Every structure is written in structure tokens, then in C-alpha cells.
Amino acid sequence: MRFSGFESLLDRAKSKGRAKVAVAVAADKEVLEAIKIAEKEGLITPILVGDGEQIKRLAHEIGLSLKKAELIDESLPEVAAHKAVDAVVNGQAHFLMKGQINSSDFLRAVLRPVRGLRTGRLLSHFAAFQVPGFSRLLFVTDGGMNIAPNLAQKKEILDNGLLYLKGIGMDLVNVIVLAANEVANAKMPATMDAQALAEMSRAGEFPGAIVEGPLALDGAVSAAALKHKGIASQINGDVDLLLVPTIEVGNVLGKSMVYFAGATMAGIVLGAQVPIVMTSRNDTPRSKFMALSMAALSRGS
């Protein structure tokens, strides 16, 4: 199956019942706005960890009822992050969300050696885009965490993305490994990595997926561009997941879709024991809400 947009993803997530999310340092207006939307939609029940008075004040400002929420009062951000992780480790929450706390402090709690959320897998960012005029959600990884991954790390990033997509019901995933052109060239390491990943796919290392590359973006999304260039492809422009070579490519690609094409974007972090909603300060409450939907859908998968 495929998702035509965020609404179809949300409907499927809601069909699984309310998920419990632990929010680390929850005294953040935009985060609480997203929680308000998600709670109203029947998607989540929140566990809000942080300065209790600030959380109550902000909740009152935005009209968020705390009747169904669990509030864990902790004024120290670093301690609040650990308590949010504890809620996940203890089985009280299905997944985790970052609030008003420095990312490094938050991840330190996530990756703590004792009773943390490590799996041995690389953490990677995974984004979904609903682009006007595009018939389905387009997924992109990793434009948010790993700066310049090597081949082994790109394989881990791809494994994370495929594990997520299969877990939410996609039986066959079409993957394009992006590069600047379609010819493998030792002077362009991204093309060599893309070729290697495509060879791994042909050898059966990514069951349930077709992985092709190197391909430039036009060939990834356009059968007409492939025909014009004379490139044969099983995917033939029908891509689900774009694997980018560096964080800069993913960042620029994602922001281009949002700012130039009017796309809606949401993203989560994969590779831990549970999905992590770790959004940007610039993300709208609606975008944060859709990230909550992405995380809620994958629970139990």
C-alpha cells in the first residue's frame, strides 16, 4: 500500500487507538499546540514532563485541556529528558517527543548506556513530504542527522527507512539513491556509493524494496526524463523513498519542496527502540502534529 497524503497516514494511525507519547521538557507553546491537535484528533494521550507551572500556563493560553494528560513536574531540563526516557523504558509511553531542550542534551538521555533507547543501529532522520500535484507521500532520508555518511552508514540509514515503511504497511518500496548524475565515477563518491547500494539490492540485501542509483532527481521522479536520457529503470519515476548523499542535499531538497512547491513536511528520528519526534524550531504545530502521526503509526510494528 501507499499513502496518498498525510490524511491517509493519520487515518491509519488513528485506527490503532490512542498512543501514549512522553514529551521531554514540554513547556513549549508550539509543541503543546501540536499535542492539542493530536489529542483532539484521538491520536495520542500525552505524558508531559517539565516545569509543571509553565506547562499549565501555556496549556491555558492555547486552550489545551490537561484532564487526560499525565503531568510529571520537573524543572531541570536534563532531568526531565531522562524522566521522559524512563516513561518509554518502563512501558508507560509508546514513543518520545523533544520539547524545549537542547538537542544534544535530549539525545544524551536517549542514548544513555543504562536503560536508554539504544539498539545498536545508527540514528537517522526520516521525513515525509506531501507535495501539491504529487500523487502520494514522498519520503526522504537523511536530511537531518548524519552529515556525510559513508557507504556502511548509508546502508544503515536505508535499513532504518525500509524497516519503518514496511512496518506501516508498505509491501514494496521503490528507492532511488540520489546523486548529481547517473554515471558511477570515482571522483564523485556519492555515485560509487549509490552503485554499491543498487548492487546490494540486486543481490537481495533489501527484501521488499527495489533500490536504484545513481540517479539525479529528475530521473527519480520522472519517467519522461528517464526516456529522454535513455536510462532503463524498474522504478521508472515511481519513487517512494529518496536516499540523499549528504545532509546538505537533504536539507536543501526538503526546504525547496516546502518553500518553492508549498509542500507539507513532517519528520521523525529512527534507529532507537521507539520513534522519536524531534522537530525543528521552524516547524509549524501542524507539521509537528503530522510527525506525531508518523510516530504513532509505527508503534508495535
C-alpha atoms as a PDB file:
ATOM      1  CA  MET A   1       0.000   0.000   0.000  1.00  0.00           C
ATOM      2  CA  ARG A   2       0.884   3.664  -0.371  1.00  0.00           C
ATOM      3  CA  PHE A   3      -0.226   6.821   1.376  1.00  0.00           C
ATOM      4  CA  SER A   4      -1.862   9.455  -0.813  1.00  0.00           C
ATOM      5  CA  GLY A   5      -1.148  12.138   1.785  1.00  0.00           C
ATOM      6  CA  PHE A   6      -0.906  12.844   5.484  1.00  0.00           C
ATOM      7  CA  GLU A   7      -4.646  12.385   5.967  1.00  0.00           C
ATOM      8  CA  SER A   8      -4.462   8.753   4.855  1.00  0.00           C
ATOM      9  CA  LEU A   9      -1.477   8.227   7.162  1.00  0.00           C
ATOM     10  CA  LEU A  10      -3.356   9.882  10.034  1.00  0.00           C
ATOM     11  CA  ASP A  11      -6.473   7.768   9.457  1.00  0.00           C
ATOM     12  CA  ARG A  12      -4.421   4.594   9.648  1.00  0.00           C
ATOM     13  CA  ALA A  13      -2.642   5.785  12.790  1.00  0.00           C
ATOM     14  CA  LYS A  14      -5.940   6.667  14.498  1.00  0.00           C
ATOM     15  CA  SER A  15      -7.318   3.216  13.674  1.00  0.00           C
ATOM     16  CA  LYS A  16      -4.726   1.764  16.054  1.00  0.00           C
ATOM     17  CA  GLY A  17      -6.137   3.678  19.024  1.00  0.00           C
ATOM     18  CA  ARG A  18      -4.512   6.372  21.109  1.00  0.00           C
ATOM     19  CA  ALA A  19      -0.758   6.170  21.519  1.00  0.00           C
ATOM     20  CA  LYS A  20       0.988   7.481  24.605  1.00  0.00           C
ATOM     21  CA  VAL A  21       3.768   9.981  23.958  1.00  0.00           C
ATOM     22  CA  ALA A  22       6.274  11.202  26.536  1.00  0.00           C
ATOM     23  CA  VAL A  23       7.226  14.829  25.849  1.00  0.00           C
ATOM     24  CA  ALA A  24      10.599  15.881  27.257  1.00  0.00           C
ATOM     25  CA  VAL A  25      10.557  19.480  28.566  1.00  0.00           C
ATOM     26  CA  ALA A  26       7.017  20.072  27.383  1.00  0.00           C
ATOM     27  CA  ALA A  27       6.796  23.805  28.235  1.00  0.00           C
ATOM     28  CA  ASP A  28       6.918  24.816  24.568  1.00  0.00           C
ATOM     29  CA  LYS A  29       3.938  26.571  23.005  1.00  0.00           C
ATOM     30  CA  GLU A  30       4.270  25.105  19.505  1.00  0.00           C
ATOM     31  CA  VAL A  31       4.817  21.588  20.862  1.00  0.00           C
ATOM     32  CA  LEU A  32       1.734  21.913  23.062  1.00  0.00           C
ATOM     33  CA  GLU A  33      -0.235  23.234  20.082  1.00  0.00           C
ATOM     34  CA  ALA A  34       0.674  20.031  18.237  1.00  0.00           C
ATOM     35  CA  ILE A  35      -0.270  17.962  21.276  1.00  0.00           C
ATOM     36  CA  LYS A  36      -3.613  19.773  21.400  1.00  0.00           C
ATOM     37  CA  ILE A  37      -4.357  18.898  17.766  1.00  0.00           C
ATOM     38  CA  ALA A  38      -3.264  15.279  18.212  1.00  0.00           C
ATOM     39  CA  GLU A  39      -5.253  14.835  21.415  1.00  0.00           C
ATOM     40  CA  LYS A  40      -8.366  16.340  19.821  1.00  0.00           C
ATOM     41  CA  GLU A  41      -7.978  14.007  16.817  1.00  0.00           C
ATOM     42  CA  GLY A  42      -7.934  10.985  19.140  1.00  0.00           C
ATOM     43  CA  LEU A  43      -4.371  10.169  18.138  1.00  0.00           C
ATOM     44  CA  ILE A  44      -2.459  10.414  21.423  1.00  0.00           C
ATOM     45  CA  THR A  45      -2.590  10.670  25.193  1.00  0.00           C
ATOM     46  CA  PRO A  46       0.291  12.847  26.412  1.00  0.00           C
ATOM     47  CA  ILE A  47       2.729  12.435  29.271  1.00  0.00           C
ATOM     48  CA  LEU A  48       4.080  15.960  29.728  1.00  0.00           C
ATOM     49  CA  VAL A  49       7.424  16.136  31.518  1.00  0.00           C
ATOM     50  CA  GLY A  50       8.807  19.517  32.570  1.00  0.00           C
ATOM     51  CA  ASP A  51       8.128  22.588  34.659  1.00  0.00           C
ATOM     52  CA  GLY A  52       4.557  21.974  35.776  1.00  0.00           C
ATOM     53  CA  GLU A  53       3.595  25.619  36.283  1.00  0.00           C
ATOM     54  CA  GLN A  54       4.920  26.670  32.880  1.00  0.00           C
ATOM     55  CA  ILE A  55       3.163  23.765  31.182  1.00  0.00           C
ATOM     56  CA  LYS A  56      -0.136  24.654  32.876  1.00  0.00           C
ATOM     57  CA  ARG A  57       0.251  28.332  31.962  1.00  0.00           C
ATOM     58  CA  LEU A  58       0.950  27.607  28.289  1.00  0.00           C
ATOM     59  CA  ALA A  59      -1.797  24.995  28.131  1.00  0.00           C
ATOM     60  CA  HIS A  60      -4.264  27.573  29.479  1.00  0.00           C
ATOM     61  CA  GLU A  61      -3.084  30.143  26.900  1.00  0.00           C
ATOM     62  CA  ILE A  62      -3.761  27.826  23.960  1.00  0.00           C
ATOM     63  CA  GLY A  63      -6.859  26.122  25.361  1.00  0.00           C
ATOM     64  CA  LEU A  64      -5.288  22.695  25.883  1.00  0.00           C
ATOM     65  CA  SER A  65      -7.142  20.650  28.472  1.00  0.00           C
ATOM     66  CA  LEU A  66      -4.846  18.651  30.735  1.00  0.00           C
ATOM     67  CA  LYS A  67      -7.598  16.416  32.092  1.00  0.00           C
ATOM     68  CA  LYS A  68      -6.425  13.368  30.132  1.00  0.00           C
ATOM     69  CA  ALA A  69      -2.723  14.227  30.314  1.00  0.00           C
ATOM     70  CA  GLU A  70      -0.232  12.926  32.834  1.00  0.00           C
ATOM     71  CA  LEU A  71       1.968  15.726  34.167  1.00  0.00           C
ATOM     72  CA  ILE A  72       5.415  14.968  35.578  1.00  0.00           C
ATOM     73  CA  ASP A  73       6.746  18.088  37.277  1.00  0.00           C
ATOM     74  CA  GLU A  74      10.498  18.543  36.737  1.00  0.00           C
ATOM     75  CA  SER A  75      12.044  21.981  36.342  1.00  0.00           C
ATOM     76  CA  LEU A  76      15.549  20.843  35.308  1.00  0.00           C
ATOM     77  CA  PRO A  77      15.560  20.181  31.521  1.00  0.00           C
ATOM     78  CA  GLU A  78      18.249  17.473  31.586  1.00  0.00           C
ATOM     79  CA  VAL A  79      16.458  15.591  34.360  1.00  0.00           C
ATOM     80  CA  ALA A  80      13.124  15.995  32.563  1.00  0.00           C
ATOM     81  CA  ALA A  81      14.627  14.396  29.447  1.00  0.00           C
ATOM     82  CA  HIS A  82      15.742  11.391  31.483  1.00  0.00           C
ATOM     83  CA  LYS A  83      12.306  11.084  33.078  1.00  0.00           C
ATOM     84  CA  ALA A  84      10.672  11.140  29.638  1.00  0.00           C
ATOM     85  CA  VAL A  85      13.001   8.362  28.502  1.00  0.00           C
ATOM     86  CA  ASP A  86      12.153   6.472  31.706  1.00  0.00           C
ATOM     87  CA  ALA A  87       8.481   6.619  30.729  1.00  0.00           C
ATOM     88  CA  VAL A  88       9.280   4.870  27.453  1.00  0.00           C
ATOM     89  CA  VAL A  89      11.658   2.320  29.009  1.00  0.00           C
ATOM     90  CA  ASN A  90       9.094   1.489  31.698  1.00  0.00           C
ATOM     91  CA  GLY A  91       6.385   0.875  29.096  1.00  0.00           C
ATOM     92  CA  GLN A  92       4.295   3.916  30.041  1.00  0.00           C
ATOM     93  CA  ALA A  93       4.751   5.592  26.634  1.00  0.00           C
ATOM     94  CA  HIS A  94       4.894   4.256  23.095  1.00  0.00           C
ATOM     95  CA  PHE A  95       7.293   6.906  21.798  1.00  0.00           C
ATOM     96  CA  LEU A  96       9.175  10.070  22.664  1.00  0.00           C
ATOM     97  CA  MET A  97       8.970  13.737  21.671  1.00  0.00           C
ATOM     98  CA  LYS A  98      11.509  16.518  22.177  1.00  0.00           C
ATOM     99  CA  GLY A  99      10.264  19.773  23.637  1.00  0.00           C
ATOM    100  CA  GLN A 100      12.141  22.903  24.757  1.00  0.00           C
ATOM    101  CA  ILE A 101      15.561  21.337  25.322  1.00  0.00           C
ATOM    102  CA  ASN A 102      18.909  21.402  23.554  1.00  0.00           C
ATOM    103  CA  SER A 103      19.168  18.523  21.075  1.00  0.00           C
ATOM    104  CA  SER A 104      22.476  17.251  22.443  1.00  0.00           C
ATOM    105  CA  ASP A 105      21.092  17.110  26.000  1.00  0.00           C
ATOM    106  CA  PHE A 106      17.985  15.349  24.746  1.00  0.00           C
ATOM    107  CA  LEU A 107      19.957  12.766  22.762  1.00  0.00           C
ATOM    108  CA  ARG A 108      22.277  12.197  25.712  1.00  0.00           C
ATOM    109  CA  ALA A 109      19.268  10.928  27.642  1.00  0.00           C
ATOM    110  CA  VAL A 110      18.023   8.856  24.691  1.00  0.00           C
ATOM    111  CA  LEU A 111      21.419   7.185  24.206  1.00  0.00           C
ATOM    112  CA  ARG A 112      22.392   6.736  27.840  1.00  0.00           C
ATOM    113  CA  PRO A 113      24.207   3.406  28.298  1.00  0.00           C
ATOM    114  CA  VAL A 114      21.940   2.148  31.092  1.00  0.00           C
ATOM    115  CA  ARG A 115      18.178   1.942  30.461  1.00  0.00           C
ATOM    116  CA  GLY A 116      18.440   4.049  27.352  1.00  0.00           C
ATOM    117  CA  LEU A 117      16.858   3.562  23.938  1.00  0.00           C
ATOM    118  CA  ARG A 118      19.902   2.318  22.042  1.00  0.00           C
ATOM    119  CA  THR A 119      19.509  -0.559  19.580  1.00  0.00           C
ATOM    120  CA  GLY A 120      22.985  -0.639  18.053  1.00  0.00           C
ATOM    121  CA  ARG A 121      21.581   0.954  14.903  1.00  0.00           C
ATOM    122  CA  LEU A 122      22.551   4.377  13.622  1.00  0.00           C
ATOM    123  CA  LEU A 123      20.068   7.143  14.408  1.00  0.00           C
ATOM    124  CA  SER A 124      18.781   8.794  11.239  1.00  0.00           C
ATOM    125  CA  HIS A 125      16.229  11.389  10.241  1.00  0.00           C
ATOM    126  CA  PHE A 126      13.266  10.287   8.148  1.00  0.00           C
ATOM    127  CA  ALA A 127      10.945  12.816   6.540  1.00  0.00           C
ATOM    128  CA  ALA A 128       7.651  12.671   4.690  1.00  0.00           C
ATOM    129  CA  PHE A 129       6.518  15.316   2.199  1.00  0.00           C
ATOM    130  CA  GLN A 130       3.087  15.979   0.781  1.00  0.00           C
ATOM    131  CA  VAL A 131       3.823  17.932  -2.391  1.00  0.00           C
ATOM    132  CA  PRO A 132       0.956  19.602  -4.301  1.00  0.00           C
ATOM    133  CA  GLY A 133       0.467  17.794  -7.596  1.00  0.00           C
ATOM    134  CA  PHE A 134       2.339  14.668  -6.445  1.00  0.00           C
ATOM    135  CA  SER A 135       0.064  11.653  -6.065  1.00  0.00           C
ATOM    136  CA  ARG A 136       1.477  10.250  -2.812  1.00  0.00           C
ATOM    137  CA  LEU A 137       3.680  10.962   0.152  1.00  0.00           C
ATOM    138  CA  LEU A 138       7.359  11.203  -0.764  1.00  0.00           C
ATOM    139  CA  PHE A 139       9.870  10.067   1.844  1.00  0.00           C
ATOM    140  CA  VAL A 140      13.418  11.425   2.187  1.00  0.00           C
ATOM    141  CA  THR A 141      16.329  10.278   4.347  1.00  0.00           C
ATOM    142  CA  ASP A 142      18.687  11.510   5.878  1.00  0.00           C
ATOM    143  CA  GLY A 143      18.461  15.285   5.709  1.00  0.00           C
ATOM    144  CA  GLY A 144      18.615  15.957   9.418  1.00  0.00           C
ATOM    145  CA  MET A 145      21.176  13.973  11.405  1.00  0.00           C
ATOM    146  CA  ASN A 146      24.106  12.345   9.618  1.00  0.00           C
ATOM    147  CA  ILE A 147      26.324  14.912   7.917  1.00  0.00           C
ATOM    148  CA  ALA A 148      28.327  12.946   5.337  1.00  0.00           C
ATOM    149  CA  PRO A 149      27.577   9.246   5.803  1.00  0.00           C
ATOM    150  CA  ASN A 150      29.883   6.635   4.316  1.00  0.00           C
ATOM    151  CA  LEU A 151      28.610   3.596   2.447  1.00  0.00           C
ATOM    152  CA  ALA A 152      28.100   1.469   5.568  1.00  0.00           C
ATOM    153  CA  GLN A 153      26.202   4.301   7.244  1.00  0.00           C
ATOM    154  CA  LYS A 154      24.057   4.877   4.158  1.00  0.00           C
ATOM    155  CA  LYS A 155      23.083   1.215   4.273  1.00  0.00           C
ATOM    156  CA  GLU A 156      22.063   1.618   7.920  1.00  0.00           C
ATOM    157  CA  ILE A 157      20.084   4.758   7.089  1.00  0.00           C
ATOM    158  CA  LEU A 158      18.329   2.901   4.277  1.00  0.00           C
ATOM    159  CA  ASP A 159      17.657  -0.098   6.537  1.00  0.00           C
ATOM    160  CA  ASN A 160      16.048   2.217   9.108  1.00  0.00           C
ATOM    161  CA  GLY A 161      13.786   3.764   6.485  1.00  0.00           C
ATOM    162  CA  LEU A 162      12.748   0.434   4.988  1.00  0.00           C
ATOM    163  CA  LEU A 163      12.044  -1.044   8.418  1.00  0.00           C
ATOM    164  CA  TYR A 164       9.751   1.891   9.149  1.00  0.00           C
ATOM    165  CA  LEU A 165       7.925   1.804   5.795  1.00  0.00           C
ATOM    166  CA  LYS A 166       7.380  -1.945   5.897  1.00  0.00           C
ATOM    167  CA  GLY A 167       6.188  -1.610   9.483  1.00  0.00           C
ATOM    168  CA  ILE A 168       3.460   0.840   8.465  1.00  0.00           C
ATOM    169  CA  GLY A 169       2.209  -1.401   5.677  1.00  0.00           C
ATOM    170  CA  MET A 170       4.233  -0.724   2.527  1.00  0.00           C
ATOM    171  CA  ASP A 171       4.983  -4.122   0.990  1.00  0.00           C
ATOM    172  CA  LEU A 172       7.209  -2.916  -1.852  1.00  0.00           C
ATOM    173  CA  VAL A 173       9.275   0.254  -1.551  1.00  0.00           C
ATOM    174  CA  ASN A 174      10.861   1.953  -4.561  1.00  0.00           C
ATOM    175  CA  VAL A 175      14.111   3.636  -3.528  1.00  0.00           C
ATOM    176  CA  ILE A 176      16.325   5.978  -5.505  1.00  0.00           C
ATOM    177  CA  VAL A 177      19.832   6.765  -4.248  1.00  0.00           C
ATOM    178  CA  LEU A 178      20.355  10.348  -5.364  1.00  0.00           C
ATOM    179  CA  ALA A 179      23.489  11.749  -6.967  1.00  0.00           C
ATOM    180  CA  ALA A 180      24.298  14.532  -9.408  1.00  0.00           C
ATOM    181  CA  ASN A 181      24.266  12.225 -12.415  1.00  0.00           C
ATOM    182  CA  GLU A 182      23.726   8.623 -13.475  1.00  0.00           C
ATOM    183  CA  VAL A 183      27.300   7.505 -14.178  1.00  0.00           C
ATOM    184  CA  ALA A 184      29.375   5.974 -11.396  1.00  0.00           C
ATOM    185  CA  ASN A 185      32.599   7.951 -11.158  1.00  0.00           C
ATOM    186  CA  ALA A 186      35.354   7.563  -8.573  1.00  0.00           C
ATOM    187  CA  LYS A 187      35.742  11.346  -8.499  1.00  0.00           C
ATOM    188  CA  MET A 188      32.142  11.558  -7.245  1.00  0.00           C
ATOM    189  CA  PRO A 189      31.952   9.241  -4.203  1.00  0.00           C
ATOM    190  CA  ALA A 190      28.170   9.610  -3.958  1.00  0.00           C
ATOM    191  CA  THR A 191      27.796   7.892  -7.321  1.00  0.00           C
ATOM    192  CA  MET A 192      30.008   4.994  -6.234  1.00  0.00           C
ATOM    193  CA  ASP A 193      28.018   4.536  -3.032  1.00  0.00           C
ATOM    194  CA  ALA A 194      24.763   4.633  -4.981  1.00  0.00           C
ATOM    195  CA  GLN A 195      26.033   1.997  -7.384  1.00  0.00           C
ATOM    196  CA  ALA A 196      27.111  -0.208  -4.470  1.00  0.00           C
ATOM    197  CA  LEU A 197      23.699   0.053  -2.794  1.00  0.00           C
ATOM    198  CA  ALA A 198      21.962  -0.795  -6.070  1.00  0.00           C
ATOM    199  CA  GLU A 199      24.206  -3.849  -6.409  1.00  0.00           C
ATOM    200  CA  MET A 200      23.295  -4.879  -2.846  1.00  0.00           C
ATOM    201  CA  SER A 201      19.632  -4.618  -3.820  1.00  0.00           C
ATOM    202  CA  ARG A 202      20.105  -6.837  -6.849  1.00  0.00           C
ATOM    203  CA  ALA A 203      21.827  -9.338  -4.556  1.00  0.00           C
ATOM    204  CA  GLY A 204      18.738  -9.446  -2.345  1.00  0.00           C
ATOM    205  CA  GLU A 205      20.033  -7.444   0.625  1.00  0.00           C
ATOM    206  CA  PHE A 206      16.933  -5.224   0.775  1.00  0.00           C
ATOM    207  CA  PRO A 207      13.950  -7.592   0.638  1.00  0.00           C
ATOM    208  CA  GLY A 208      10.695  -5.862  -0.194  1.00  0.00           C
ATOM    209  CA  ALA A 209      12.476  -2.989  -1.911  1.00  0.00           C
ATOM    210  CA  ILE A 210      13.900  -2.017  -5.290  1.00  0.00           C
ATOM    211  CA  VAL A 211      16.949   0.202  -4.892  1.00  0.00           C
ATOM    212  CA  GLU A 212      18.337   2.033  -7.923  1.00  0.00           C
ATOM    213  CA  GLY A 213      21.119   4.538  -8.344  1.00  0.00           C
ATOM    214  CA  PRO A 214      22.946   6.655  -9.014  1.00  0.00           C
ATOM    215  CA  LEU A 215      20.169   8.828 -10.376  1.00  0.00           C
ATOM    216  CA  ALA A 216      19.661  12.566 -10.453  1.00  0.00           C
ATOM    217  CA  LEU A 217      16.394  13.950  -9.094  1.00  0.00           C
ATOM    218  CA  ASP A 218      14.701  14.322 -12.486  1.00  0.00           C
ATOM    219  CA  GLY A 219      15.157  10.637 -13.260  1.00  0.00           C
ATOM    220  CA  ALA A 220      13.991   9.718  -9.774  1.00  0.00           C
ATOM    221  CA  VAL A 221      10.552  11.277 -10.228  1.00  0.00           C
ATOM    222  CA  SER A 222      10.008  11.465 -13.994  1.00  0.00           C
ATOM    223  CA  ALA A 223       9.610   8.614 -16.455  1.00  0.00           C
ATOM    224  CA  ALA A 224       9.813  11.177 -19.260  1.00  0.00           C
ATOM    225  CA  ALA A 225      13.230  12.346 -18.057  1.00  0.00           C
ATOM    226  CA  LEU A 226      14.484   8.760 -17.970  1.00  0.00           C
ATOM    227  CA  LYS A 227      13.215   8.145 -21.508  1.00  0.00           C
ATOM    228  CA  HIS A 228      14.862  11.346 -22.726  1.00  0.00           C
ATOM    229  CA  LYS A 229      18.174  10.281 -21.171  1.00  0.00           C
ATOM    230  CA  GLY A 230      17.868   6.719 -22.448  1.00  0.00           C
ATOM    231  CA  ILE A 231      18.039   5.187 -18.957  1.00  0.00           C
ATOM    232  CA  ALA A 232      16.295   1.888 -18.215  1.00  0.00           C
ATOM    233  CA  SER A 233      14.678   1.659 -14.800  1.00  0.00           C
ATOM    234  CA  GLN A 234      12.373  -0.720 -12.947  1.00  0.00           C
ATOM    235  CA  ILE A 235      11.126   2.163 -10.831  1.00  0.00           C
ATOM    236  CA  ASN A 236      10.658   4.409 -13.880  1.00  0.00           C
ATOM    237  CA  GLY A 237       9.952   7.600 -11.925  1.00  0.00           C
ATOM    238  CA  ASP A 238       7.601   5.893  -9.462  1.00  0.00           C
ATOM    239  CA  VAL A 239       9.771   6.531  -6.399  1.00  0.00           C
ATOM    240  CA  ASP A 240       8.705   6.237  -2.754  1.00  0.00           C
ATOM    241  CA  LEU A 241      11.935   6.958  -0.882  1.00  0.00           C
ATOM    242  CA  LEU A 242      14.864   9.192  -1.775  1.00  0.00           C
ATOM    243  CA  LEU A 243      18.186   8.429  -0.078  1.00  0.00           C
ATOM    244  CA  VAL A 244      20.299  11.592  -0.160  1.00  0.00           C
ATOM    245  CA  PRO A 245      24.119  11.564  -0.167  1.00  0.00           C
ATOM    246  CA  THR A 246      24.681  14.285   2.459  1.00  0.00           C
ATOM    247  CA  ILE A 247      22.774  16.338   4.996  1.00  0.00           C
ATOM    248  CA  GLU A 248      23.106  19.442   2.791  1.00  0.00           C
ATOM    249  CA  VAL A 249      21.361  17.743  -0.114  1.00  0.00           C
ATOM    250  CA  GLY A 250      18.544  16.537   2.122  1.00  0.00           C
ATOM    251  CA  ASN A 251      18.179  19.906   3.819  1.00  0.00           C
ATOM    252  CA  VAL A 252      18.056  21.879   0.571  1.00  0.00           C
ATOM    253  CA  LEU A 253      15.782  19.359  -1.136  1.00  0.00           C
ATOM    254  CA  GLY A 254      13.339  19.376   1.761  1.00  0.00           C
ATOM    255  CA  LYS A 255      13.243  23.144   2.195  1.00  0.00           C
ATOM    256  CA  SER A 256      12.896  23.603  -1.561  1.00  0.00           C
ATOM    257  CA  MET A 257       9.790  21.431  -1.575  1.00  0.00           C
ATOM    258  CA  VAL A 258       8.343  23.367   1.371  1.00  0.00           C
ATOM    259  CA  TYR A 259       9.188  26.917   0.278  1.00  0.00           C
ATOM    260  CA  PHE A 260       9.016  26.653  -3.516  1.00  0.00           C
ATOM    261  CA  ALA A 261       6.400  23.931  -4.014  1.00  0.00           C
ATOM    262  CA  GLY A 262       4.185  24.509  -0.957  1.00  0.00           C
ATOM    263  CA  ALA A 263       4.807  21.059   0.460  1.00  0.00           C
ATOM    264  CA  THR A 264       3.876  19.957   3.961  1.00  0.00           C
ATOM    265  CA  MET A 265       6.730  18.218   5.758  1.00  0.00           C
ATOM    266  CA  ALA A 266       6.994  16.054   8.866  1.00  0.00           C
ATOM    267  CA  GLY A 267       9.920  14.076  10.191  1.00  0.00           C
ATOM    268  CA  ILE A 268      10.944  11.651  12.901  1.00  0.00           C
ATOM    269  CA  VAL A 269      14.170  10.040  14.073  1.00  0.00           C
ATOM    270  CA  LEU A 270      14.604   6.312  13.529  1.00  0.00           C
ATOM    271  CA  GLY A 271      17.108   3.788  14.849  1.00  0.00           C
ATOM    272  CA  ALA A 272      16.196   3.896  18.546  1.00  0.00           C
ATOM    273  CA  GLN A 273      13.887   1.430  20.279  1.00  0.00           C
ATOM    274  CA  VAL A 274      10.950   3.730  19.509  1.00  0.00           C
ATOM    275  CA  PRO A 275      10.371   6.538  17.013  1.00  0.00           C
ATOM    276  CA  ILE A 276      11.443   9.975  18.238  1.00  0.00           C
ATOM    277  CA  VAL A 277       9.632  13.174  17.302  1.00  0.00           C
ATOM    278  CA  MET A 278      12.454  15.701  17.144  1.00  0.00           C
ATOM    279  CA  THR A 279      11.231  18.624  15.106  1.00  0.00           C
ATOM    280  CA  SER A 280      12.785  21.924  14.066  1.00  0.00           C
ATOM    281  CA  ARG A 281      12.004  25.208  15.823  1.00  0.00           C
ATOM    282  CA  ASN A 282      10.658  26.477  12.483  1.00  0.00           C
ATOM    283  CA  ASP A 283       8.189  23.612  12.078  1.00  0.00           C
ATOM    284  CA  THR A 284       4.553  24.611  12.429  1.00  0.00           C
ATOM    285  CA  PRO A 285       2.293  22.948  15.002  1.00  0.00           C
ATOM    286  CA  ARG A 286       0.601  21.194  12.073  1.00  0.00           C
ATOM    287  CA  SER A 287       3.942  19.798  10.908  1.00  0.00           C
ATOM    288  CA  LYS A 288       4.733  18.656  14.457  1.00  0.00           C
ATOM    289  CA  PHE A 289       1.296  17.035  14.631  1.00  0.00           C
ATOM    290  CA  MET A 290       1.971  15.108  11.429  1.00  0.00           C
ATOM    291  CA  ALA A 291       5.287  13.945  12.897  1.00  0.00           C
ATOM    292  CA  LEU A 292       3.324  12.656  15.872  1.00  0.00           C
ATOM    293  CA  SER A 293       1.109  10.779  13.394  1.00  0.00           C
ATOM    294  CA  MET A 294       4.170   9.201  11.757  1.00  0.00           C
ATOM    295  CA  ALA A 295       5.473   8.014  15.105  1.00  0.00           C
ATOM    296  CA  ALA A 296       2.099   6.800  16.368  1.00  0.00           C
ATOM    297  CA  LEU A 297       1.517   4.734  13.239  1.00  0.00           C
ATOM    298  CA  SER A 298       4.712   2.737  13.659  1.00  0.00           C
ATOM    299  CA  ARG A 299       4.140   1.582  17.231  1.00  0.00           C
ATOM    300  CA  GLY A 300       4.051  -2.162  17.660  1.00  0.00           C
ATOM    301  CA  SER A 301       5.454  -2.694  14.147  1.00  0.00           C
END
